[in-house]
Amino acid sequence: MLDVAAHLGKEAMDKYDLPYGGAVLAEEKHKPLFTEIMKHPTLVTTAGGSALNTVRCANVRFLSQ
């Protein structure tokens, strides 16, 4: 699993009808977004997936005590 993130800005949010701070199920209209993200200069990839992200959060909380 791989988490992918990029700061595309409000224009992309509006273009692809994405809610700020929310989630959507990908539809046909979102397909070009994936290409746009993968070419964007702010692209960040990290090992991820729900289980790994849960462990990371638990680890940060445990280490901060």
PDB file of N, CA and C in Angstrom:
ATOM      1  N   MET A   1       0.842  -1.174   0.000  1.00  0.00           N
ATOM      2  CA  MET A   1       0.000   0.000   0.000  1.00  0.00           C
ATOM      3  C   MET A   1       0.888   1.238   0.000  1.00  0.00           C
ATOM      4  N   LEU A   2       0.384   2.252  -0.664  1.00  0.00           N
ATOM      5  CA  LEU A   2       1.120   3.501  -0.769  1.00  0.00           C
ATOM      6  C   LEU A   2       0.154   4.664  -0.613  1.00  0.00           C
ATOM      7  N   ASP A   3       0.467   5.574   0.304  1.00  0.00           N
ATOM      8  CA  ASP A   3      -0.307   6.804   0.431  1.00  0.00           C
ATOM      9  C   ASP A   3       0.330   7.847  -0.467  1.00  0.00           C
ATOM     10  N   VAL A   4      -0.500   8.585  -1.171  1.00  0.00           N
ATOM     11  CA  VAL A   4      -0.040   9.612  -2.097  1.00  0.00           C
ATOM     12  C   VAL A   4      -0.723  10.917  -1.732  1.00  0.00           C
ATOM     13  N   ALA A   5       0.057  11.999  -1.630  1.00  0.00           N
ATOM     14  CA  ALA A   5      -0.513  13.304  -1.311  1.00  0.00           C
ATOM     15  C   ALA A   5       0.174  14.375  -2.140  1.00  0.00           C
ATOM     16  N   ALA A   6      -0.585  15.414  -2.487  1.00  0.00           N
ATOM     17  CA  ALA A   6      -0.043  16.574  -3.206  1.00  0.00           C
ATOM     18  C   ALA A   6      -0.910  17.774  -2.869  1.00  0.00           C
ATOM     19  N   HIS A   7      -0.307  18.941  -2.789  1.00  0.00           N
ATOM     20  CA  HIS A   7      -1.039  20.183  -2.527  1.00  0.00           C
ATOM     21  C   HIS A   7      -1.405  20.809  -3.865  1.00  0.00           C
ATOM     22  N   LEU A   8      -2.626  20.544  -4.315  1.00  0.00           N
ATOM     23  CA  LEU A   8      -3.051  21.022  -5.628  1.00  0.00           C
ATOM     24  C   LEU A   8      -3.753  22.370  -5.573  1.00  0.00           C
ATOM     25  N   GLY A   9      -4.335  22.722  -4.445  1.00  0.00           N
ATOM     26  CA  GLY A   9      -4.996  24.011  -4.317  1.00  0.00           C
ATOM     27  C   GLY A   9      -6.490  23.973  -4.582  1.00  0.00           C
ATOM     28  N   LYS A  10      -7.111  25.116  -4.364  1.00  0.00           N
ATOM     29  CA  LYS A  10      -8.555  25.259  -4.490  1.00  0.00           C
ATOM     30  C   LYS A  10      -9.042  24.993  -5.911  1.00  0.00           C
ATOM     31  N   GLU A  11      -8.243  25.349  -6.909  1.00  0.00           N
ATOM     32  CA  GLU A  11      -8.651  25.137  -8.301  1.00  0.00           C
ATOM     33  C   GLU A  11      -8.950  23.664  -8.570  1.00  0.00           C
ATOM     34  N   ALA A  12      -8.074  22.789  -8.098  1.00  0.00           N
ATOM     35  CA  ALA A  12      -8.264  21.348  -8.299  1.00  0.00           C
ATOM     36  C   ALA A  12      -9.455  20.848  -7.493  1.00  0.00           C
ATOM     37  N   MET A  13      -9.630  21.372  -6.283  1.00  0.00           N
ATOM     38  CA  MET A  13     -10.778  20.979  -5.460  1.00  0.00           C
ATOM     39  C   MET A  13     -12.082  21.297  -6.186  1.00  0.00           C
ATOM     40  N   ASP A  14     -12.138  22.486  -6.764  1.00  0.00           N
ATOM     41  CA  ASP A  14     -13.337  22.896  -7.503  1.00  0.00           C
ATOM     42  C   ASP A  14     -13.488  22.098  -8.804  1.00  0.00           C
ATOM     43  N   LYS A  15     -12.378  21.929  -9.516  1.00  0.00           N
ATOM     44  CA  LYS A  15     -12.400  21.226 -10.803  1.00  0.00           C
ATOM     45  C   LYS A  15     -12.933  19.801 -10.673  1.00  0.00           C
ATOM     46  N   TYR A  16     -12.535  19.120  -9.594  1.00  0.00           N
ATOM     47  CA  TYR A  16     -12.929  17.728  -9.400  1.00  0.00           C
ATOM     48  C   TYR A  16     -14.054  17.567  -8.376  1.00  0.00           C
ATOM     49  N   ASP A  17     -14.651  18.676  -7.963  1.00  0.00           N
ATOM     50  CA  ASP A  17     -15.788  18.659  -7.037  1.00  0.00           C
ATOM     51  C   ASP A  17     -15.459  17.878  -5.764  1.00  0.00           C
ATOM     52  N   LEU A  18     -14.344  18.255  -5.118  1.00  0.00           N
ATOM     53  CA  LEU A  18     -13.890  17.575  -3.913  1.00  0.00           C
ATOM     54  C   LEU A  18     -14.179  18.431  -2.686  1.00  0.00           C
ATOM     55  N   PRO A  19     -14.684  17.826  -1.615  1.00  0.00           N
ATOM     56  CA  PRO A  19     -14.944  18.586  -0.392  1.00  0.00           C
ATOM     57  C   PRO A  19     -13.642  18.800   0.387  1.00  0.00           C
ATOM     58  N   TYR A  20     -13.454  19.981   0.930  1.00  0.00           N
ATOM     59  CA  TYR A  20     -12.265  20.259   1.742  1.00  0.00           C
ATOM     60  C   TYR A  20     -12.357  19.471   3.044  1.00  0.00           C
ATOM     61  N   GLY A  21     -11.316  18.720   3.355  1.00  0.00           N
ATOM     62  CA  GLY A  21     -11.268  17.944   4.591  1.00  0.00           C
ATOM     63  C   GLY A  21     -12.186  16.732   4.599  1.00  0.00           C
ATOM     64  N   GLY A  22     -12.677  16.339   3.439  1.00  0.00           N
ATOM     65  CA  GLY A  22     -13.599  15.216   3.368  1.00  0.00           C
ATOM     66  C   GLY A  22     -13.066  14.098   2.504  1.00  0.00           C
ATOM     67  N   ALA A  23     -13.916  13.159   2.244  1.00  0.00           N
ATOM     68  CA  ALA A  23     -13.542  12.017   1.410  1.00  0.00           C
ATOM     69  C   ALA A  23     -14.654  11.760   0.404  1.00  0.00           C
ATOM     70  N   VAL A  24     -14.281  11.219  -0.737  1.00  0.00           N
ATOM     71  CA  VAL A  24     -15.252  10.844  -1.756  1.00  0.00           C
ATOM     72  C   VAL A  24     -14.848   9.492  -2.333  1.00  0.00           C
ATOM     73  N   LEU A  25     -15.827   8.801  -2.874  1.00  0.00           N
ATOM     74  CA  LEU A  25     -15.524   7.604  -3.642  1.00  0.00           C
ATOM     75  C   LEU A  25     -15.184   8.051  -5.051  1.00  0.00           C
ATOM     76  N   ALA A  26     -14.092   7.538  -5.587  1.00  0.00           N
ATOM     77  CA  ALA A  26     -13.656   7.949  -6.918  1.00  0.00           C
ATOM     78  C   ALA A  26     -14.697   7.573  -7.968  1.00  0.00           C
ATOM     79  N   GLU A  27     -14.933   8.508  -8.861  1.00  0.00           N
ATOM     80  CA  GLU A  27     -15.860   8.310  -9.974  1.00  0.00           C
ATOM     81  C   GLU A  27     -15.099   8.545 -11.270  1.00  0.00           C
ATOM     82  N   GLU A  28     -15.775   8.334 -12.364  1.00  0.00           N
ATOM     83  CA  GLU A  28     -15.174   8.541 -13.687  1.00  0.00           C
ATOM     84  C   GLU A  28     -14.578   9.937 -13.815  1.00  0.00           C
ATOM     85  N   LYS A  29     -15.262  10.947 -13.278  1.00  0.00           N
ATOM     86  CA  LYS A  29     -14.795  12.331 -13.385  1.00  0.00           C
ATOM     87  C   LYS A  29     -13.487  12.575 -12.638  1.00  0.00           C
ATOM     88  N   HIS A  30     -13.109  11.674 -11.739  1.00  0.00           N
ATOM     89  CA  HIS A  30     -11.881  11.840 -10.958  1.00  0.00           C
ATOM     90  C   HIS A  30     -10.656  11.202 -11.622  1.00  0.00           C
ATOM     91  N   LYS A  31     -10.846  10.414 -12.662  1.00  0.00           N
ATOM     92  CA  LYS A  31      -9.715   9.710 -13.293  1.00  0.00           C
ATOM     93  C   LYS A  31      -8.553  10.633 -13.659  1.00  0.00           C
ATOM     94  N   PRO A  32      -8.796  11.791 -14.286  1.00  0.00           N
ATOM     95  CA  PRO A  32      -7.667  12.662 -14.639  1.00  0.00           C
ATOM     96  C   PRO A  32      -6.915  13.216 -13.417  1.00  0.00           C
ATOM     97  N   LEU A  33      -7.581  13.236 -12.274  1.00  0.00           N
ATOM     98  CA  LEU A  33      -6.945  13.739 -11.054  1.00  0.00           C
ATOM     99  C   LEU A  33      -5.724  12.910 -10.685  1.00  0.00           C
ATOM    100  N   PHE A  34      -5.796  11.601 -10.874  1.00  0.00           N
ATOM    101  CA  PHE A  34      -4.680  10.737 -10.503  1.00  0.00           C
ATOM    102  C   PHE A  34      -3.432  11.053 -11.328  1.00  0.00           C
ATOM    103  N   THR A  35      -3.596  11.290 -12.604  1.00  0.00           N
ATOM    104  CA  THR A  35      -2.469  11.676 -13.459  1.00  0.00           C
ATOM    105  C   THR A  35      -1.922  13.031 -13.021  1.00  0.00           C
ATOM    106  N   GLU A  36      -2.819  13.948 -12.716  1.00  0.00           N
ATOM    107  CA  GLU A  36      -2.413  15.288 -12.279  1.00  0.00           C
ATOM    108  C   GLU A  36      -1.606  15.218 -10.979  1.00  0.00           C
ATOM    109  N   ILE A  37      -2.055  14.402 -10.043  1.00  0.00           N
ATOM    110  CA  ILE A  37      -1.346  14.258  -8.770  1.00  0.00           C
ATOM    111  C   ILE A  37       0.037  13.655  -8.988  1.00  0.00           C
ATOM    112  N   MET A  38       0.122  12.604  -9.793  1.00  0.00           N
ATOM    113  CA  MET A  38       1.399  11.911  -9.974  1.00  0.00           C
ATOM    114  C   MET A  38       2.452  12.774 -10.667  1.00  0.00           C
ATOM    115  N   LYS A  39       2.033  13.819 -11.383  1.00  0.00           N
ATOM    116  CA  LYS A  39       2.967  14.715 -12.062  1.00  0.00           C
ATOM    117  C   LYS A  39       3.232  15.997 -11.278  1.00  0.00           C
ATOM    118  N   HIS A  40       2.537  16.183 -10.157  1.00  0.00           N
ATOM    119  CA  HIS A  40       2.615  17.450  -9.428  1.00  0.00           C
ATOM    120  C   HIS A  40       3.929  17.554  -8.639  1.00  0.00           C
ATOM    121  N   PRO A  41       4.558  18.747  -8.614  1.00  0.00           N
ATOM    122  CA  PRO A  41       5.844  18.904  -7.924  1.00  0.00           C
ATOM    123  C   PRO A  41       5.768  18.741  -6.403  1.00  0.00           C
ATOM    124  N   THR A  42       4.585  18.855  -5.798  1.00  0.00           N
ATOM    125  CA  THR A  42       4.480  18.691  -4.348  1.00  0.00           C
ATOM    126  C   THR A  42       4.151  17.260  -3.940  1.00  0.00           C
ATOM    127  N   LEU A  43       4.201  16.331  -4.885  1.00  0.00           N
ATOM    128  CA  LEU A  43       3.859  14.932  -4.621  1.00  0.00           C
ATOM    129  C   LEU A  43       4.722  14.360  -3.499  1.00  0.00           C
ATOM    130  N   VAL A  44       4.053  13.690  -2.546  1.00  0.00           N
ATOM    131  CA  VAL A  44       4.731  12.989  -1.459  1.00  0.00           C
ATOM    132  C   VAL A  44       4.126  11.588  -1.388  1.00  0.00           C
ATOM    133  N   THR A  45       4.969  10.578  -1.383  1.00  0.00           N
ATOM    134  CA  THR A  45       4.488   9.206  -1.227  1.00  0.00           C
ATOM    135  C   THR A  45       5.094   8.614   0.039  1.00  0.00           C
ATOM    136  N   THR A  46       4.289   7.834   0.756  1.00  0.00           N
ATOM    137  CA  THR A  46       4.757   7.153   1.953  1.00  0.00           C
ATOM    138  C   THR A  46       4.114   5.779   2.008  1.00  0.00           C
ATOM    139  N   ALA A  47       4.809   4.857   2.639  1.00  0.00           N
ATOM    140  CA  ALA A  47       4.197   3.548   2.859  1.00  0.00           C
ATOM    141  C   ALA A  47       2.955   3.772   3.693  1.00  0.00           C
ATOM    142  N   GLY A  48       1.859   3.120   3.336  1.00  0.00           N
ATOM    143  CA  GLY A  48       0.616   3.410   4.052  1.00  0.00           C
ATOM    144  C   GLY A  48      -0.344   2.255   4.060  1.00  0.00           C
ATOM    145  N   GLY A  49      -1.585   2.584   4.014  1.00  0.00           N
ATOM    146  CA  GLY A  49      -2.651   1.620   4.194  1.00  0.00           C
ATOM    147  C   GLY A  49      -3.229   1.823   5.582  1.00  0.00           C
ATOM    148  N   SER A  50      -4.453   1.439   5.791  1.00  0.00           N
ATOM    149  CA  SER A  50      -5.127   1.736   7.058  1.00  0.00           C
ATOM    150  C   SER A  50      -4.435   1.112   8.263  1.00  0.00           C
ATOM    151  N   ALA A  51      -3.953  -0.108   8.148  1.00  0.00           N
ATOM    152  CA  ALA A  51      -3.303  -0.755   9.291  1.00  0.00           C
ATOM    153  C   ALA A  51      -2.006  -0.047   9.665  1.00  0.00           C
ATOM    154  N   LEU A  52      -1.186   0.276   8.682  1.00  0.00           N
ATOM    155  CA  LEU A  52       0.071   0.949   8.964  1.00  0.00           C
ATOM    156  C   LEU A  52      -0.178   2.343   9.535  1.00  0.00           C
ATOM    157  N   ASN A  53      -1.156   3.068   9.007  1.00  0.00           N
ATOM    158  CA  ASN A  53      -1.469   4.398   9.525  1.00  0.00           C
ATOM    159  C   ASN A  53      -1.960   4.322  10.961  1.00  0.00           C
ATOM    160  N   THR A  54      -2.718   3.311  11.307  1.00  0.00           N
ATOM    161  CA  THR A  54      -3.184   3.122  12.683  1.00  0.00           C
ATOM    162  C   THR A  54      -2.005   2.888  13.612  1.00  0.00           C
ATOM    163  N   VAL A  55      -1.074   2.048  13.197  1.00  0.00           N
ATOM    164  CA  VAL A  55       0.113   1.775  14.005  1.00  0.00           C
ATOM    165  C   VAL A  55       0.936   3.047  14.183  1.00  0.00           C
ATOM    166  N   ARG A  56       1.076   3.842  13.134  1.00  0.00           N
ATOM    167  CA  ARG A  56       1.821   5.097  13.242  1.00  0.00           C
ATOM    168  C   ARG A  56       1.188   6.023  14.278  1.00  0.00           C
ATOM    169  N   CYS A  57      -0.124   6.158  14.218  1.00  0.00           N
ATOM    170  CA  CYS A  57      -0.820   7.035  15.184  1.00  0.00           C
ATOM    171  C   CYS A  57      -0.641   6.519  16.604  1.00  0.00           C
ATOM    172  N   ALA A  58      -0.785   5.219  16.797  1.00  0.00           N
ATOM    173  CA  ALA A  58      -0.615   4.639  18.124  1.00  0.00           C
ATOM    174  C   ALA A  58       0.813   4.834  18.599  1.00  0.00           C
ATOM    175  N   ASN A  59       1.784   4.655  17.742  1.00  0.00           N
ATOM    176  CA  ASN A  59       3.189   4.808  18.084  1.00  0.00           C
ATOM    177  C   ASN A  59       3.492   6.243  18.501  1.00  0.00           C
ATOM    178  N   VAL A  60       2.995   7.218  17.760  1.00  0.00           N
ATOM    179  CA  VAL A  60       3.220   8.622  18.091  1.00  0.00           C
ATOM    180  C   VAL A  60       2.605   8.934  19.452  1.00  0.00           C
ATOM    181  N   ARG A  61       1.401   8.442  19.703  1.00  0.00           N
ATOM    182  CA  ARG A  61       0.737   8.705  20.978  1.00  0.00           C
ATOM    183  C   ARG A  61       1.527   8.049  22.114  1.00  0.00           C
ATOM    184  N   PHE A  62       1.958   6.811  21.923  1.00  0.00           N
ATOM    185  CA  PHE A  62       2.711   6.088  22.943  1.00  0.00           C
ATOM    186  C   PHE A  62       4.030   6.801  23.243  1.00  0.00           C
ATOM    187  N   LEU A  63       4.745   7.221  22.211  1.00  0.00           N
ATOM    188  CA  LEU A  63       6.047   7.848  22.409  1.00  0.00           C
ATOM    189  C   LEU A  63       5.940   9.250  23.014  1.00  0.00           C
ATOM    190  N   SER A  64       4.799   9.889  22.870  1.00  0.00           N
ATOM    191  CA  SER A  64       4.656  11.256  23.383  1.00  0.00           C
ATOM    192  C   SER A  64       4.273  11.270  24.863  1.00  0.00           C
ATOM    193  N   GLN A  65       4.018  10.094  25.453  1.00  0.00           N
ATOM    194  CA  GLN A  65       3.633  10.049  26.882  1.00  0.00           C
ATOM    195  C   GLN A  65       4.838   9.972  27.763  1.00  0.00           C
TER     196      GLN A  65
END
